[in-house]
Protein backbone atom coordinates (compact mmCIF):
# COMPACT_ATOMS: atom_id res chain seq x y z
CA MET A 1 -0.01 0.00 0.01
CA PRO A 2 1.43 3.41 -0.88
CA THR A 3 2.74 5.70 1.79
CA SER A 4 2.53 9.47 1.55
CA PRO A 5 2.44 10.75 -2.03
CA ASN A 6 4.99 13.38 -1.03
CA ASN A 7 7.76 11.17 0.31
CA ASN A 8 8.59 7.80 1.77
CA ALA A 9 9.47 9.04 5.23
CA SER A 10 7.48 10.12 8.22
CA ASP A 11 7.00 13.84 8.73
CA CYS A 12 8.33 15.16 12.05
CA LEU A 13 6.12 17.84 13.52
CA TYR A 14 7.70 20.82 15.30
CA PHE A 15 6.14 23.18 17.84
CA PRO A 16 8.37 26.20 18.48
CA GLY A 17 7.15 28.29 21.38
CA GLN A 18 4.39 25.82 22.30
CA ARG A 19 3.91 23.92 25.50
CA THR A 20 3.79 20.27 24.50
CA PRO A 21 3.66 16.89 26.31
CA THR A 22 7.08 16.22 27.74
CA ALA A 23 9.05 13.08 26.87
CA ARG A 24 7.35 9.90 28.08
CA SER A 25 6.79 6.20 27.56
CA GLY A 26 4.08 3.70 28.43
CA HIS A 27 1.32 6.15 27.46
CA ARG A 28 -1.54 5.57 24.99
CA CYS A 29 -3.13 7.62 22.24
CA VAL A 30 -6.29 7.54 20.14
CA ALA A 31 -7.46 9.68 17.23
CA ASP A 32 -10.60 10.87 15.50
CA ASN A 33 -10.98 13.20 12.49
CA THR A 34 -10.11 16.26 14.54
CA ASN A 35 -7.72 15.42 17.37
CA LEU A 36 -5.07 13.10 18.68
CA TYR A 37 -5.59 12.36 22.38
CA VAL A 38 -2.56 11.33 24.49
CA PHE A 39 -3.08 9.93 27.97
CA GLY A 40 -0.72 9.06 30.81
CA GLY A 41 2.88 7.96 30.57
CA TYR A 42 6.09 7.65 32.59
CA ASN A 43 9.50 9.26 32.73
CA PRO A 44 11.99 8.54 35.54
CA ASP A 45 14.12 11.62 34.65
CA TYR A 46 13.12 14.11 37.34
CA ASP A 47 13.90 17.28 35.40
CA GLU A 48 12.59 16.00 32.08
CA SER A 49 9.27 14.90 33.60
CA GLY A 50 8.50 18.30 35.11
CA GLY A 51 10.32 18.07 38.41
CA SER A 52 8.53 19.56 41.40
CA GLU A 53 5.71 20.83 39.15
CA ASN A 54 4.67 17.25 38.39
CA GLU A 55 2.80 16.05 41.48
CA ASP A 56 2.57 12.53 40.04
CA TYR A 57 6.28 12.15 39.19
CA PRO A 58 7.48 9.92 37.58
CA LEU A 59 3.99 9.43 36.03
CA PHE A 60 1.89 11.84 34.03
CA ARG A 61 -1.69 12.13 35.25
CA GLU A 62 -2.78 14.21 32.31
CA LEU A 63 -4.74 14.14 29.05
CA TRP A 64 -3.42 16.06 26.05
CA ARG A 65 -5.04 16.93 22.77
CA TYR A 66 -3.25 17.67 19.50
CA HIS A 67 -5.58 19.57 17.15
CA PHE A 68 -4.84 18.63 13.54
CA ALA A 69 -6.28 21.79 11.96
CA THR A 70 -4.29 24.28 14.04
CA GLY A 71 -1.27 22.06 14.73
CA ARG A 72 -1.45 22.97 18.41
CA TRP A 73 -1.19 20.96 21.63
CA GLN A 74 -3.42 21.60 24.62
CA GLN A 75 -3.54 19.90 28.01
CA ILE A 76 -7.23 19.21 28.67
CA GLN A 77 -8.61 20.19 32.05
CA THR A 78 -11.11 17.48 32.93
CA GLU A 79 -13.66 16.92 35.67
CA GLY A 80 -14.28 13.68 37.53
CA TYR A 81 -11.74 11.13 38.71
CA MET A 82 -8.84 10.54 36.36
CA PRO A 83 -7.18 7.15 36.96
CA THR A 84 -3.84 7.02 38.76
CA GLU A 85 -2.54 3.85 37.04
CA LEU A 86 -0.84 5.71 34.22
CA ALA A 87 1.61 3.31 32.58
CA SER A 88 0.88 0.47 30.12
CA MET A 89 -2.88 0.75 30.39
CA SER A 90 -4.94 0.09 27.27
CA ALA A 91 -7.17 2.68 25.60
CA VAL A 92 -9.73 2.83 22.80
CA LEU A 93 -11.98 5.58 21.49
CA HIS A 94 -15.68 4.63 21.29
CA GLY A 95 -17.62 7.55 19.82
CA ASN A 96 -16.76 10.50 22.07
CA ASN A 97 -15.73 8.20 24.91
CA LEU A 98 -12.14 7.38 25.73
CA LEU A 99 -12.13 4.00 27.49
CA VAL A 100 -9.08 3.28 29.65
CA PHE A 101 -8.57 -0.12 31.26
CA GLY A 102 -5.90 -1.51 33.56
CA GLY A 103 -2.45 -0.01 33.89
CA THR A 104 0.04 0.31 36.72
CA GLY A 105 1.34 2.96 39.06
CA ILE A 106 4.64 3.15 40.90
CA PRO A 107 6.31 0.85 41.73
CA PHE A 108 5.30 -1.17 38.65
CA GLY A 109 3.27 -4.22 39.58
CA GLU A 110 2.48 -2.97 43.09
CA ASN A 111 -0.39 -0.68 42.15
CA ASN A 112 -2.36 -2.14 39.23
CA SER A 113 -5.91 -1.52 38.06
CA ASN A 114 -8.76 -3.62 36.67
CA ASP A 115 -11.23 -0.77 36.36
CA VAL A 116 -12.66 0.80 33.22
CA HIS A 117 -12.44 4.59 33.32
CA VAL A 118 -14.30 6.60 30.70
CA CYS A 119 -13.55 10.15 29.64
CA ASN A 120 -16.09 11.89 27.44
CA VAL A 121 -13.72 13.99 25.32
CA LYS A 122 -16.54 16.32 24.23
CA TYR A 123 -17.63 17.22 27.77
CA LYS A 124 -14.17 16.62 29.30
CA ARG A 125 -15.43 14.50 32.17
CA TRP A 126 -14.16 11.24 33.65
CA SER A 127 -16.37 8.56 35.16
CA LEU A 128 -15.87 5.04 36.46
CA LEU A 129 -17.79 2.36 34.60
CA ASN A 130 -19.61 0.31 37.21
CA CYS A 131 -19.30 -3.29 36.04
CA ARG A 132 -20.39 -6.67 37.36
CA GLY A 133 -19.33 -10.22 36.62
CA LYS A 134 -15.89 -11.79 36.50
CA LYS A 135 -13.46 -8.88 36.16
CA PRO A 136 -9.92 -9.43 34.85
CA ASN A 137 -7.08 -9.42 37.36
CA ARG A 138 -5.36 -6.14 38.17
CA ILE A 139 -2.99 -6.01 35.22
CA TYR A 140 -1.01 -3.85 32.85
CA GLY A 141 0.45 -4.29 29.37
CA GLN A 142 -2.72 -6.01 28.13
CA ALA A 143 -4.35 -5.28 24.74
CA MET A 144 -8.01 -4.64 24.03
CA VAL A 145 -10.42 -4.02 21.19
CA ILE A 146 -14.13 -3.27 20.74
CA ILE A 147 -16.11 -5.56 18.41
CA ASN A 148 -19.89 -5.25 17.99
CA GLY A 149 -20.42 -3.56 21.35
CA PHE A 150 -18.14 -5.92 23.28
CA LEU A 151 -14.79 -4.98 24.78
CA TYR A 152 -12.25 -7.84 24.58
CA VAL A 153 -9.16 -7.82 26.79
CA PHE A 154 -6.28 -10.28 26.40
CA GLY A 155 -3.07 -10.93 28.29
CA GLY A 156 -1.08 -8.54 30.42
CA THR A 157 0.95 -8.96 33.57
CA THR A 158 0.57 -8.46 37.30
CA GLY A 159 4.23 -7.51 37.39
CA TYR A 160 5.11 -11.04 38.43
CA ASN A 161 2.99 -13.37 36.30
CA TYR A 162 2.09 -13.09 32.64
CA SER A 163 -1.37 -13.97 31.39
CA THR A 164 -3.23 -15.75 28.62
CA ASP A 165 -6.61 -14.73 30.04
CA LEU A 166 -9.30 -13.49 27.68
CA HIS A 167 -12.19 -11.41 29.05
CA ARG A 168 -15.18 -9.78 27.39
CA LEU A 169 -17.17 -6.81 28.66
CA ASP A 170 -20.67 -6.18 27.32
CA LEU A 171 -20.71 -2.39 27.02
CA THR A 172 -24.52 -2.37 27.19
CA SER A 173 -25.12 -4.55 30.24
CA ARG A 174 -21.65 -3.77 31.69
CA GLU A 175 -21.05 -7.40 32.59
CA TRP A 176 -17.62 -9.01 32.44
CA ILE A 177 -17.30 -12.62 31.29
CA TYR A 178 -14.17 -14.75 31.53
CA LEU A 179 -13.97 -16.61 28.23
CA LYS A 180 -12.86 -20.22 28.37
CA PRO A 181 -11.77 -21.28 24.85
CA ASN A 182 -12.50 -24.84 23.79
CA ASN A 183 -8.84 -25.68 23.10
CA PRO A 184 -6.66 -27.62 25.49
CA PRO A 185 -4.25 -25.27 27.33
CA ASP A 186 -1.34 -26.45 25.15
CA ASP A 187 -3.01 -24.78 22.15
CA PHE A 188 -3.33 -21.39 23.88
CA PRO A 189 -1.03 -18.51 22.88
CA GLU A 190 2.05 -18.02 25.00
CA GLU A 191 1.53 -15.77 28.03
CA ARG A 192 2.52 -12.22 27.18
CA TYR A 193 2.27 -8.47 27.69
CA ARG A 194 2.81 -5.38 25.54
CA HIS A 195 1.41 -7.15 22.48
CA GLU A 196 -1.07 -5.60 20.06
CA ILE A 197 -4.46 -6.71 18.73
CA ALA A 198 -6.18 -6.58 15.34
CA HIS A 199 -9.52 -8.04 14.26
CA ASP A 200 -11.68 -8.72 11.20
CA GLY A 201 -15.01 -9.02 13.03
CA GLN A 202 -14.72 -12.81 13.25
CA ARG A 203 -11.26 -13.28 14.73
CA ILE A 204 -8.99 -11.40 17.12
CA TYR A 205 -5.33 -11.54 16.10
CA LEU A 206 -2.39 -11.24 18.51
CA LEU A 207 0.68 -9.47 17.17
CA GLY A 208 3.97 -9.85 18.99
CA GLY A 209 4.45 -9.09 22.64
CA GLY A 210 6.44 -11.09 25.14
CA THR A 211 7.75 -11.04 28.68
CA SER A 212 10.64 -9.21 30.32
CA TRP A 213 13.01 -11.83 28.90
CA THR A 214 11.55 -12.67 25.47
CA SER A 215 9.79 -11.28 22.42
CA TYR A 216 7.53 -13.42 20.26
CA PRO A 217 8.04 -13.89 16.50
CA LEU A 218 5.56 -12.92 13.79
CA ASP A 219 5.90 -15.90 11.44
CA LYS A 220 2.77 -17.25 13.13
CA VAL A 221 -0.17 -15.35 14.55
CA HIS A 222 -2.57 -16.61 17.20
CA ALA A 223 -6.21 -15.86 16.42
CA TYR A 224 -9.24 -16.18 18.67
CA ASN A 225 -12.33 -17.24 16.70
CA LEU A 226 -15.36 -15.49 18.16
CA GLU A 227 -17.80 -17.93 16.55
CA THR A 228 -16.17 -21.19 17.69
CA ASN A 229 -14.72 -19.83 20.96
CA SER A 230 -11.35 -21.36 20.14
CA TRP A 231 -7.75 -20.35 19.47
CA GLU A 232 -6.27 -20.94 16.04
CA GLU A 233 -2.71 -20.60 14.80
CA ILE A 234 -2.22 -18.92 11.44
CA VAL A 235 1.01 -19.17 9.45
CA THR A 236 1.89 -15.83 7.90
CA LYS A 237 3.70 -15.28 4.60
CA PRO A 238 7.17 -13.68 4.62
CA HIS A 239 8.40 -10.77 2.56
CA ASP A 240 9.90 -12.36 -0.57
CA LYS A 241 13.36 -10.84 0.00
CA ILE A 242 13.80 -10.14 3.70
CA GLY A 243 11.51 -12.61 5.41
CA TYR A 244 9.46 -11.80 8.48
CA PRO A 245 9.44 -8.76 10.73
CA ALA A 246 11.74 -9.15 13.71
CA PRO A 247 10.12 -10.44 16.91
CA ARG A 248 9.05 -7.51 19.09
CA ARG A 249 7.23 -6.25 22.12
CA CYS A 250 6.28 -2.71 23.19
CA HIS A 251 5.60 -1.80 19.56
CA SER A 252 2.58 0.04 18.17
CA CYS A 253 -0.18 -1.11 15.86
CA VAL A 254 -2.98 0.54 13.88
CA GLN A 255 -5.59 -0.92 11.55
CA ILE A 256 -7.28 0.34 8.38
CA GLN A 257 -9.98 -2.14 7.32
CA ASN A 258 -8.13 -5.47 6.77
CA ASN A 259 -4.67 -3.87 6.66
CA VAL A 260 -2.75 -3.85 9.92
CA PHE A 261 0.43 -1.81 10.44
CA ILE A 262 3.05 -2.35 13.14
CA CYS A 263 6.05 -0.15 13.81
CA GLY A 264 8.97 0.11 16.20
CA GLY A 265 9.27 -1.92 19.35
CA TYR A 266 12.03 -3.85 21.11
CA ASN A 267 13.29 -7.38 20.46
CA GLY A 268 15.45 -7.79 23.54
CA GLU A 269 18.58 -6.49 21.82
CA ILE A 270 17.82 -3.46 19.69
CA ILE A 271 15.15 -0.78 19.40
CA LEU A 272 13.33 -1.02 16.08
CA SER A 273 12.18 1.70 13.68
CA ASP A 274 10.68 -0.35 10.84
CA LEU A 275 7.11 -0.23 9.53
CA TRP A 276 5.31 -3.36 8.34
CA LYS A 277 1.89 -4.16 6.96
CA ILE A 278 -0.04 -7.45 7.09
CA ASP A 279 -3.24 -8.12 5.18
CA LEU A 280 -5.74 -10.09 7.28
CA GLN A 281 -7.18 -11.69 4.15
CA CYS A 282 -3.97 -13.30 2.86
CA PHE A 283 -1.59 -12.82 5.84
CA GLN A 284 1.21 -11.51 3.64
CA TRP A 285 3.84 -9.35 5.33
CA ILE A 286 5.01 -6.28 3.42
CA LYS A 287 7.79 -3.99 4.62
CA LEU A 288 7.05 -0.37 3.85
CA PRO A 289 9.92 1.86 2.70
CA ALA A 290 9.20 4.40 5.42
CA THR A 291 10.84 4.18 8.85
CA MET A 292 10.30 6.04 12.09
CA PRO A 293 12.55 9.13 12.36
CA GLU A 294 14.10 7.53 15.44
CA PRO A 295 13.81 3.96 16.76
CA ALA A 296 11.43 3.77 19.71
CA TYR A 297 9.51 1.38 21.94
CA PHE A 298 6.88 1.93 24.61
CA HIS A 299 5.65 4.66 22.25
CA CYS A 300 2.04 5.07 21.12
CA ALA A 301 0.36 5.33 17.72
CA ALA A 302 -3.12 6.05 16.39
CA VAL A 303 -4.62 6.41 12.93
CA THR A 304 -7.24 8.92 11.79
CA PRO A 305 -10.36 7.78 9.90
CA ALA A 306 -8.75 9.27 6.79
CA GLY A 307 -5.68 7.01 7.12
CA CYS A 308 -2.96 9.22 8.64
CA MET A 309 -0.95 7.61 11.46
CA TYR A 310 0.51 9.70 14.30
CA ILE A 311 3.27 8.34 16.55
CA HIS A 312 4.27 9.94 19.84
CA GLY A 313 6.97 9.47 22.43
CA GLY A 314 8.67 6.31 23.58
CA VAL A 315 12.05 5.08 24.81
CA VAL A 316 14.77 5.91 22.27
CA ASP A 317 17.99 5.02 24.15
CA ILE A 318 18.35 1.90 26.31
CA LEU A 319 21.73 2.72 27.87
CA GLU A 320 20.75 6.22 28.97
CA ASN A 321 17.10 5.24 29.54
CA LYS A 322 16.13 8.26 27.44
CA ARG A 323 12.64 9.09 26.24
CA THR A 324 11.31 11.42 23.56
CA GLY A 325 8.33 13.73 23.24
CA SER A 326 8.47 13.89 19.46
CA LEU A 327 5.37 13.59 17.28
CA PHE A 328 5.40 12.53 13.66
CA LYS A 329 2.89 11.42 11.07
CA ILE A 330 2.70 9.33 7.93
CA TRP A 331 -0.11 8.64 5.48
CA LEU A 332 -0.75 4.89 5.34
CA THR A 333 -3.17 5.27 2.43
CA VAL A 334 -3.14 7.63 -0.51
CA PRO A 335 -4.95 10.68 0.88
CA SER A 336 -8.26 11.47 -0.73
CA LEU A 337 -8.59 14.60 -2.83
CA LEU A 338 -10.59 16.09 0.02
CA GLU A 339 -7.77 15.49 2.51
CA LEU A 340 -5.13 16.87 0.15
CA CYS A 341 -7.17 20.02 -0.48
CA TRP A 342 -7.96 20.36 3.21
CA GLU A 343 -4.27 20.25 4.22
CA LYS A 344 -3.39 22.77 1.51
CA LEU A 345 -6.25 25.06 2.55
CA LEU A 346 -5.17 25.07 6.19
CA LYS A 347 -1.58 25.78 5.20
CA VAL A 348 -2.48 28.74 2.98
CA PHE A 349 -5.30 30.11 5.17
CA PRO A 350 -4.45 29.20 8.80
CA HIS A 351 -6.77 31.97 10.05
CA LEU A 352 -9.76 29.79 9.05
CA THR A 353 -9.64 28.29 12.54
CA THR A 354 -10.44 31.70 14.05
CA LEU A 355 -13.52 32.48 11.94
CA PRO A 356 -17.07 32.11 13.34
CA THR A 357 -19.23 29.23 12.13
CA MET A 358 -21.61 31.37 10.09
CA GLN A 359 -18.77 32.92 8.15
CA LEU A 360 -17.29 29.49 7.45
CA LEU A 361 -20.68 28.30 6.17
CA ASN A 362 -20.89 31.33 3.91
CA LEU A 363 -17.46 30.43 2.54
CA GLY A 364 -18.86 27.06 1.47
CA LEU A 365 -17.34 24.77 4.11
CA THR A 366 -19.41 21.76 5.10
CA GLN A 367 -20.53 21.22 8.68
CA GLU A 368 -18.18 18.25 8.95
CA LEU A 369 -15.16 20.35 7.99
CA ILE A 370 -16.22 23.13 10.33
CA GLU A 371 -16.31 20.64 13.20
CA ARG A 372 -12.74 19.68 12.39
CA LEU A 373 -11.75 23.36 12.71
CA LYS A 374 -13.30 23.85 16.13
C-alpha cells in the first residue's frame, strides 16, 4: 500500500514556542478526524518529567489533545476522577468516549488496576464504569479491542505473572465474562504483555508481545475465533526478499480495514524503527519503505479515519534510559482529494480556525469540515 504521495518518510512535527507533552513512555493515544488524544505515561528523569511541578512524578496524570487543523497541543482540564494507574494501560476511542482499562502505578506491579475509566472527550469529564461479573485481574500491558459492542481484553501482567486470560465486557449490560476457549491449554497462545491486537469481526489476532526476557516472533499469529470460541494458529507469509518482521514487544499497531500496520518496538537487543503491513485476508507481510525518524519502543500510535498515522513518544535510548516527546505522522493510504485540499487550505489560510461558524458556512465549508476546525 502506498505511503505518503509526497515522500517515503514520516514527517516530524515541530512546535516552536508551544507547551507540548514532555518526553514519556508507556502512554496511550487515540485519534478521531479532529484530534489526537494522548493519555498518561512515565519518565524517571526528574527534570525531564516536570520536576517539582509534576505532582505525580514519575507518572503523568494528564490528558493532552493535538488539534490537527491548528497544529497545536493543549492539556485538557477534565472533571471527575482521572485514573492514577498511568503506565501500560490500554485505551480505545468509542464515539466520544475514551475507554481506559488496567495499567500500573509506581512501583510497577504494586499498584495495578482492573477498572474501566471513561472520559467523554466532548464534555471533558471522567467517570468510572460500574461493572459486574468476573473482572480481569489487576494487570497492565494487556491489549483490548471493541467488536460489535463488546470490549475484549487479552493478556497482560501483574508484574510477576504473565497472562493468557481473555475477558469480554458487554458495554450495554456492563457485565464481564471470563472466556474459556475450547482448546486444550497447550493450544493457547504463549503468556505475554505489551502485544497488540487486530480483528476482522470474526477473529482477534495477537501481534507480537512477550515477557521481560523474550519477544515473540511474527511468522505465526494466534487468532481467537469469536464464533467457535477457540484459538487458532495462522502461518503468515514472509516478505519475498527479507523474510518476516523481527520479533518484538512494546511496539505500536494501527488498523485500516483489513490492513494492519506495526512499527517500532524492542526485540530484547535493539530498538526497532521499521514499519510493516499485514493483510488479514492473505496474511502476507510487506515492509514499507518508510521508517520512524528515530527507533522507539513503549511509544504510542493512532490512525485517523482518513488514514494518517501519528506516533508519539517512547524510549529511544536503552543505555541512557532516554525518552522522547516527538510527534510525527505518515499517510498509510493515498490521501483522498478532500484530505489533500484540506491540508493545503489550512496551510495557505491558517486563520480559518479563528472564523465564526456562520462565516465558514458562507465560505462554502461543510458542517463536517467546520467541526474539524473547532
